[in-house]
């Protein structure tokens, strides 16, 4: 059964449309480091090796295109510098912004794995075929992630843990996720 990769995705928040390209958040900028325009970046991607000098990434809610000037490891984080941001004051305006790449540039995953953004919008049904609703959100928790499924009729939400006992099948081509409801997951 396909397993999901924890890669966040988002569209432009203001005036977005279905035609708007999807972007994958690969990290979040933290605070400046040193005096030469480097900034710490929390890594949210399974492919940090693709963040190399010369690559364009998109920063913040307006997806400002910035070219990476340098990238290096710093413990669990990366230290990144952008062309045109030469000192800590300039790069400091980017603090806490998301760093994204177009979803179309995402590397292919091994057989049996899917990106989380591919799951959003799937129709969720029980193993008996009863429709539960649409997967609208993925909550990241400490133990396992949780899928938020919203019923279009009632607006009611069901929270489903992303565990093998619950998520039975993911069929991206059909747009369907089949689940087993453990006791207490659905009262209806």
C-alpha atoms as a PDB file:
ATOM      1  CA  UNK A   1       0.000   0.000   0.000  1.00  0.00           C
ATOM      2  CA  UNK A   2       1.352   3.479  -0.753  1.00  0.00           C
ATOM      3  CA  UNK A   3       2.727   5.311   2.246  1.00  0.00           C
ATOM      4  CA  UNK A   4       2.739   9.072   2.404  1.00  0.00           C
ATOM      5  CA  UNK A   5       5.789  11.310   2.499  1.00  0.00           C
ATOM      6  CA  UNK A   6       5.540  14.275   4.831  1.00  0.00           C
ATOM      7  CA  UNK A   7       5.889  17.108   2.368  1.00  0.00           C
ATOM      8  CA  UNK A   8       3.708  20.137   2.975  1.00  0.00           C
ATOM      9  CA  UNK A   9       2.020  21.852   0.059  1.00  0.00           C
ATOM     10  CA  UNK A  10       0.237  25.113  -0.387  1.00  0.00           C
ATOM     11  CA  UNK A  11      -1.198  27.490  -2.970  1.00  0.00           C
ATOM     12  CA  UNK A  12      -0.952  31.249  -2.917  1.00  0.00           C
ATOM     13  CA  UNK A  13      -3.305  32.365  -0.129  1.00  0.00           C
ATOM     14  CA  UNK A  14      -4.806  35.444  -1.827  1.00  0.00           C
ATOM     15  CA  UNK A  15      -6.883  34.925  -4.943  1.00  0.00           C
ATOM     16  CA  UNK A  16      -5.724  31.368  -5.525  1.00  0.00           C
ATOM     17  CA  UNK A  17      -7.481  29.221  -8.073  1.00  0.00           C
ATOM     18  CA  UNK A  18      -7.482  25.632  -9.183  1.00  0.00           C
ATOM     19  CA  UNK A  19      -5.187  26.664 -12.053  1.00  0.00           C
ATOM     20  CA  UNK A  20      -2.637  28.097  -9.614  1.00  0.00           C
ATOM     21  CA  UNK A  21       0.546  25.995  -9.481  1.00  0.00           C
ATOM     22  CA  UNK A  22       1.041  23.921  -6.367  1.00  0.00           C
ATOM     23  CA  UNK A  23       4.151  24.576  -4.295  1.00  0.00           C
ATOM     24  CA  UNK A  24       5.821  22.266  -1.808  1.00  0.00           C
ATOM     25  CA  UNK A  25       7.254  23.821   1.330  1.00  0.00           C
ATOM     26  CA  UNK A  26      10.790  22.485   1.762  1.00  0.00           C
ATOM     27  CA  UNK A  27      11.688  24.505   4.844  1.00  0.00           C
ATOM     28  CA  UNK A  28      11.131  27.488   7.048  1.00  0.00           C
ATOM     29  CA  UNK A  29      13.593  30.318   7.511  1.00  0.00           C
ATOM     30  CA  UNK A  30      14.471  31.028  11.124  1.00  0.00           C
ATOM     31  CA  UNK A  31      16.979  33.711  12.133  1.00  0.00           C
ATOM     32  CA  UNK A  32      20.028  35.259  10.483  1.00  0.00           C
ATOM     33  CA  UNK A  33      23.382  33.623  11.136  1.00  0.00           C
ATOM     34  CA  UNK A  34      26.541  35.692  11.139  1.00  0.00           C
ATOM     35  CA  UNK A  35      26.989  38.956   9.243  1.00  0.00           C
ATOM     36  CA  UNK A  36      27.258  37.790   5.602  1.00  0.00           C
ATOM     37  CA  UNK A  37      23.592  37.256   4.774  1.00  0.00           C
ATOM     38  CA  UNK A  38      23.164  33.640   5.854  1.00  0.00           C
ATOM     39  CA  UNK A  39      19.948  32.534   7.545  1.00  0.00           C
ATOM     40  CA  UNK A  40      19.055  29.306   9.341  1.00  0.00           C
ATOM     41  CA  UNK A  41      16.480  27.133   7.620  1.00  0.00           C
ATOM     42  CA  UNK A  42      14.536  24.304   9.274  1.00  0.00           C
ATOM     43  CA  UNK A  43      14.456  21.462   6.744  1.00  0.00           C
ATOM     44  CA  UNK A  44      11.032  20.033   5.858  1.00  0.00           C
ATOM     45  CA  UNK A  45      12.049  17.990   2.820  1.00  0.00           C
ATOM     46  CA  UNK A  46      13.323  14.459   2.447  1.00  0.00           C
ATOM     47  CA  UNK A  47      15.518  15.750  -0.388  1.00  0.00           C
ATOM     48  CA  UNK A  48      17.676  18.583   1.032  1.00  0.00           C
ATOM     49  CA  UNK A  49      20.454  17.648  -1.407  1.00  0.00           C
ATOM     50  CA  UNK A  50      18.362  19.266  -4.160  1.00  0.00           C
ATOM     51  CA  UNK A  51      18.786  22.673  -2.511  1.00  0.00           C
ATOM     52  CA  UNK A  52      22.000  23.772  -4.192  1.00  0.00           C
ATOM     53  CA  UNK A  53      23.574  27.114  -5.086  1.00  0.00           C
ATOM     54  CA  UNK A  54      22.007  28.512  -8.256  1.00  0.00           C
ATOM     55  CA  UNK A  55      18.581  26.947  -7.647  1.00  0.00           C
ATOM     56  CA  UNK A  56      15.600  29.266  -7.479  1.00  0.00           C
ATOM     57  CA  UNK A  57      13.258  28.811  -4.531  1.00  0.00           C
ATOM     58  CA  UNK A  58      10.103  30.720  -3.660  1.00  0.00           C
ATOM     59  CA  UNK A  59       9.929  32.503  -0.321  1.00  0.00           C
ATOM     60  CA  UNK A  60       6.990  33.737   1.716  1.00  0.00           C
ATOM     61  CA  UNK A  61       3.273  34.044   1.010  1.00  0.00           C
ATOM     62  CA  UNK A  62       3.887  35.976  -2.215  1.00  0.00           C
ATOM     63  CA  UNK A  63       6.424  33.360  -3.358  1.00  0.00           C
ATOM     64  CA  UNK A  64       9.266  35.780  -3.967  1.00  0.00           C
ATOM     65  CA  UNK A  65      11.670  33.994  -6.365  1.00  0.00           C
ATOM     66  CA  UNK A  66      15.157  33.944  -4.839  1.00  0.00           C
ATOM     67  CA  UNK A  67      18.291  32.255  -6.144  1.00  0.00           C
ATOM     68  CA  UNK A  68      20.359  30.354  -3.586  1.00  0.00           C
ATOM     69  CA  UNK A  69      23.861  31.812  -3.286  1.00  0.00           C
ATOM     70  CA  UNK A  70      25.130  29.210  -0.813  1.00  0.00           C
ATOM     71  CA  UNK A  71      23.828  26.238   1.167  1.00  0.00           C
ATOM     72  CA  UNK A  72      25.573  24.334   3.965  1.00  0.00           C
ATOM     73  CA  UNK A  73      24.637  22.046   6.831  1.00  0.00           C
ATOM     74  CA  UNK A  74      24.458  23.433  10.354  1.00  0.00           C
ATOM     75  CA  UNK A  75      23.401  20.654  12.747  1.00  0.00           C
ATOM     76  CA  UNK A  76      19.804  19.699  11.938  1.00  0.00           C
ATOM     77  CA  UNK A  77      19.336  22.880   9.900  1.00  0.00           C
ATOM     78  CA  UNK A  78      20.754  24.396   6.754  1.00  0.00           C
ATOM     79  CA  UNK A  79      22.464  27.750   6.493  1.00  0.00           C
ATOM     80  CA  UNK A  80      21.305  29.368   3.270  1.00  0.00           C
ATOM     81  CA  UNK A  81      22.183  32.649   1.581  1.00  0.00           C
ATOM     82  CA  UNK A  82      20.291  34.283  -1.276  1.00  0.00           C
ATOM     83  CA  UNK A  83      21.629  36.402  -4.118  1.00  0.00           C
ATOM     84  CA  UNK A  84      20.958  40.071  -3.353  1.00  0.00           C
ATOM     85  CA  UNK A  85      20.858  39.548   0.428  1.00  0.00           C
ATOM     86  CA  UNK A  86      24.371  40.373   1.563  1.00  0.00           C
ATOM     87  CA  UNK A  87      24.038  41.030   5.299  1.00  0.00           C
ATOM     88  CA  UNK A  88      22.029  39.977   8.340  1.00  0.00           C
ATOM     89  CA  UNK A  89      19.731  43.008   8.223  1.00  0.00           C
ATOM     90  CA  UNK A  90      18.710  42.361   4.613  1.00  0.00           C
ATOM     91  CA  UNK A  91      18.082  38.637   5.115  1.00  0.00           C
ATOM     92  CA  UNK A  92      16.401  39.223   8.477  1.00  0.00           C
ATOM     93  CA  UNK A  93      13.222  40.410   6.734  1.00  0.00           C
ATOM     94  CA  UNK A  94      12.729  36.804   5.568  1.00  0.00           C
ATOM     95  CA  UNK A  95      12.606  35.400   9.130  1.00  0.00           C
ATOM     96  CA  UNK A  96       9.873  32.760   9.686  1.00  0.00           C
ATOM     97  CA  UNK A  97       8.883  32.622   5.992  1.00  0.00           C
ATOM     98  CA  UNK A  98       8.332  29.338   4.179  1.00  0.00           C
ATOM     99  CA  UNK A  99      10.698  28.251   1.416  1.00  0.00           C
ATOM    100  CA  UNK A 100       8.995  26.368  -1.419  1.00  0.00           C
ATOM    101  CA  UNK A 101       9.618  24.754  -4.782  1.00  0.00           C
ATOM    102  CA  UNK A 102       7.065  24.023  -7.527  1.00  0.00           C
ATOM    103  CA  UNK A 103       5.429  20.630  -7.004  1.00  0.00           C
ATOM    104  CA  UNK A 104       6.134  19.869 -10.662  1.00  0.00           C
ATOM    105  CA  UNK A 105       9.846  19.779  -9.757  1.00  0.00           C
ATOM    106  CA  UNK A 106       9.404  17.219  -6.971  1.00  0.00           C
ATOM    107  CA  UNK A 107      11.534  14.121  -7.502  1.00  0.00           C
ATOM    108  CA  UNK A 108       9.726  10.850  -8.136  1.00  0.00           C
ATOM    109  CA  UNK A 109       9.249   8.682  -5.064  1.00  0.00           C
ATOM    110  CA  UNK A 110       9.979   4.975  -4.747  1.00  0.00           C
ATOM    111  CA  UNK A 111       7.178   2.553  -5.576  1.00  0.00           C
ATOM    112  CA  UNK A 112       4.515   2.554  -2.882  1.00  0.00           C
ATOM    113  CA  UNK A 113       5.123   6.112  -1.601  1.00  0.00           C
ATOM    114  CA  UNK A 114       3.123   9.268  -2.299  1.00  0.00           C
ATOM    115  CA  UNK A 115       3.492  12.920  -1.395  1.00  0.00           C
ATOM    116  CA  UNK A 116       0.993  14.328   1.074  1.00  0.00           C
ATOM    117  CA  UNK A 117      -0.128  16.953  -1.441  1.00  0.00           C
ATOM    118  CA  UNK A 118      -1.308  14.115  -3.681  1.00  0.00           C
ATOM    119  CA  UNK A 119      -3.676  12.944  -0.934  1.00  0.00           C
ATOM    120  CA  UNK A 120      -5.507  16.226  -0.474  1.00  0.00           C
ATOM    121  CA  UNK A 121      -8.881  16.040  -2.196  1.00  0.00           C
ATOM    122  CA  UNK A 122      -9.088  12.234  -2.239  1.00  0.00           C
ATOM    123  CA  UNK A 123     -12.504  10.730  -1.586  1.00  0.00           C
ATOM    124  CA  UNK A 124     -12.360   8.584   1.555  1.00  0.00           C
ATOM    125  CA  UNK A 125     -14.520   5.458   1.794  1.00  0.00           C
ATOM    126  CA  UNK A 126     -14.784   2.618   4.275  1.00  0.00           C
ATOM    127  CA  UNK A 127     -13.778  -0.891   3.286  1.00  0.00           C
ATOM    128  CA  UNK A 128     -17.514  -1.569   2.810  1.00  0.00           C
ATOM    129  CA  UNK A 129     -17.681   1.310   0.287  1.00  0.00           C
ATOM    130  CA  UNK A 130     -19.503   3.840   2.516  1.00  0.00           C
ATOM    131  CA  UNK A 131     -18.377   7.380   1.582  1.00  0.00           C
ATOM    132  CA  UNK A 132     -16.976   9.370   4.505  1.00  0.00           C
ATOM    133  CA  UNK A 133     -15.991  12.563   2.704  1.00  0.00           C
ATOM    134  CA  UNK A 134     -12.967  14.334   1.284  1.00  0.00           C
ATOM    135  CA  UNK A 135      -9.472  14.426   2.758  1.00  0.00           C
ATOM    136  CA  UNK A 136      -9.051  18.162   3.375  1.00  0.00           C
ATOM    137  CA  UNK A 137      -6.076  18.479   5.701  1.00  0.00           C
ATOM    138  CA  UNK A 138      -3.169  16.567   7.209  1.00  0.00           C
ATOM    139  CA  UNK A 139      -2.192  17.270  10.798  1.00  0.00           C
ATOM    140  CA  UNK A 140       1.361  16.459  11.804  1.00  0.00           C
ATOM    141  CA  UNK A 141       1.573  15.022  15.293  1.00  0.00           C
ATOM    142  CA  UNK A 142       4.320  13.396  17.304  1.00  0.00           C
ATOM    143  CA  UNK A 143       3.274   9.753  16.980  1.00  0.00           C
ATOM    144  CA  UNK A 144       1.619   9.617  13.566  1.00  0.00           C
ATOM    145  CA  UNK A 145       0.007  12.095  11.233  1.00  0.00           C
ATOM    146  CA  UNK A 146      -3.765  12.522  11.171  1.00  0.00           C
ATOM    147  CA  UNK A 147      -5.972  12.860   8.100  1.00  0.00           C
ATOM    148  CA  UNK A 148      -8.917  15.269   8.396  1.00  0.00           C
ATOM    149  CA  UNK A 149     -11.887  14.001   6.375  1.00  0.00           C
ATOM    150  CA  UNK A 150     -14.848  16.339   5.882  1.00  0.00           C
ATOM    151  CA  UNK A 151     -18.324  15.176   4.882  1.00  0.00           C
ATOM    152  CA  UNK A 152     -19.745  17.428   2.136  1.00  0.00           C
ATOM    153  CA  UNK A 153     -23.335  16.898   3.334  1.00  0.00           C
ATOM    154  CA  UNK A 154     -22.990  17.515   7.065  1.00  0.00           C
ATOM    155  CA  UNK A 155     -19.663  19.366   7.229  1.00  0.00           C
ATOM    156  CA  UNK A 156     -18.716  16.937   9.998  1.00  0.00           C
ATOM    157  CA  UNK A 157     -15.032  16.062  10.297  1.00  0.00           C
ATOM    158  CA  UNK A 158     -13.541  12.672  11.042  1.00  0.00           C
ATOM    159  CA  UNK A 159      -9.928  12.417  12.202  1.00  0.00           C
ATOM    160  CA  UNK A 160      -8.158   9.328  10.911  1.00  0.00           C
ATOM    161  CA  UNK A 161      -4.667   8.352  12.065  1.00  0.00           C
ATOM    162  CA  UNK A 162      -2.201   7.554   9.264  1.00  0.00           C
ATOM    163  CA  UNK A 163      -1.530   4.016  10.433  1.00  0.00           C
ATOM    164  CA  UNK A 164      -1.639   0.713   8.559  1.00  0.00           C
ATOM    165  CA  UNK A 165      -4.618  -0.543  10.634  1.00  0.00           C
ATOM    166  CA  UNK A 166      -6.731   2.397   9.384  1.00  0.00           C
ATOM    167  CA  UNK A 167      -5.444   3.360   5.919  1.00  0.00           C
ATOM    168  CA  UNK A 168      -5.927   0.241   3.803  1.00  0.00           C
ATOM    169  CA  UNK A 169      -5.487   1.482   0.218  1.00  0.00           C
ATOM    170  CA  UNK A 170      -4.617   4.658  -1.635  1.00  0.00           C
ATOM    171  CA  UNK A 171      -5.583   4.746  -5.302  1.00  0.00           C
ATOM    172  CA  UNK A 172      -4.400   8.055  -6.753  1.00  0.00           C
ATOM    173  CA  UNK A 173      -5.690   7.267 -10.238  1.00  0.00           C
ATOM    174  CA  UNK A 174      -9.218   6.654  -8.932  1.00  0.00           C
ATOM    175  CA  UNK A 175      -8.896   9.461  -6.368  1.00  0.00           C
ATOM    176  CA  UNK A 176      -9.922   7.180  -3.498  1.00  0.00           C
ATOM    177  CA  UNK A 177      -8.525   6.269  -0.091  1.00  0.00           C
ATOM    178  CA  UNK A 178     -10.034   3.167   1.512  1.00  0.00           C
ATOM    179  CA  UNK A 179     -10.009   3.016   5.303  1.00  0.00           C
ATOM    180  CA  UNK A 180     -10.968   0.717   8.158  1.00  0.00           C
ATOM    181  CA  UNK A 181     -12.752   2.574  10.947  1.00  0.00           C
ATOM    182  CA  UNK A 182     -11.492   1.528  14.337  1.00  0.00           C
ATOM    183  CA  UNK A 183     -14.033   1.764  17.182  1.00  0.00           C
ATOM    184  CA  UNK A 184     -14.609   5.383  18.187  1.00  0.00           C
ATOM    185  CA  UNK A 185     -13.394   6.970  14.935  1.00  0.00           C
ATOM    186  CA  UNK A 186     -16.909   7.537  13.542  1.00  0.00           C
ATOM    187  CA  UNK A 187     -20.155   7.729  15.463  1.00  0.00           C
ATOM    188  CA  UNK A 188     -22.356   7.633  12.347  1.00  0.00           C
END
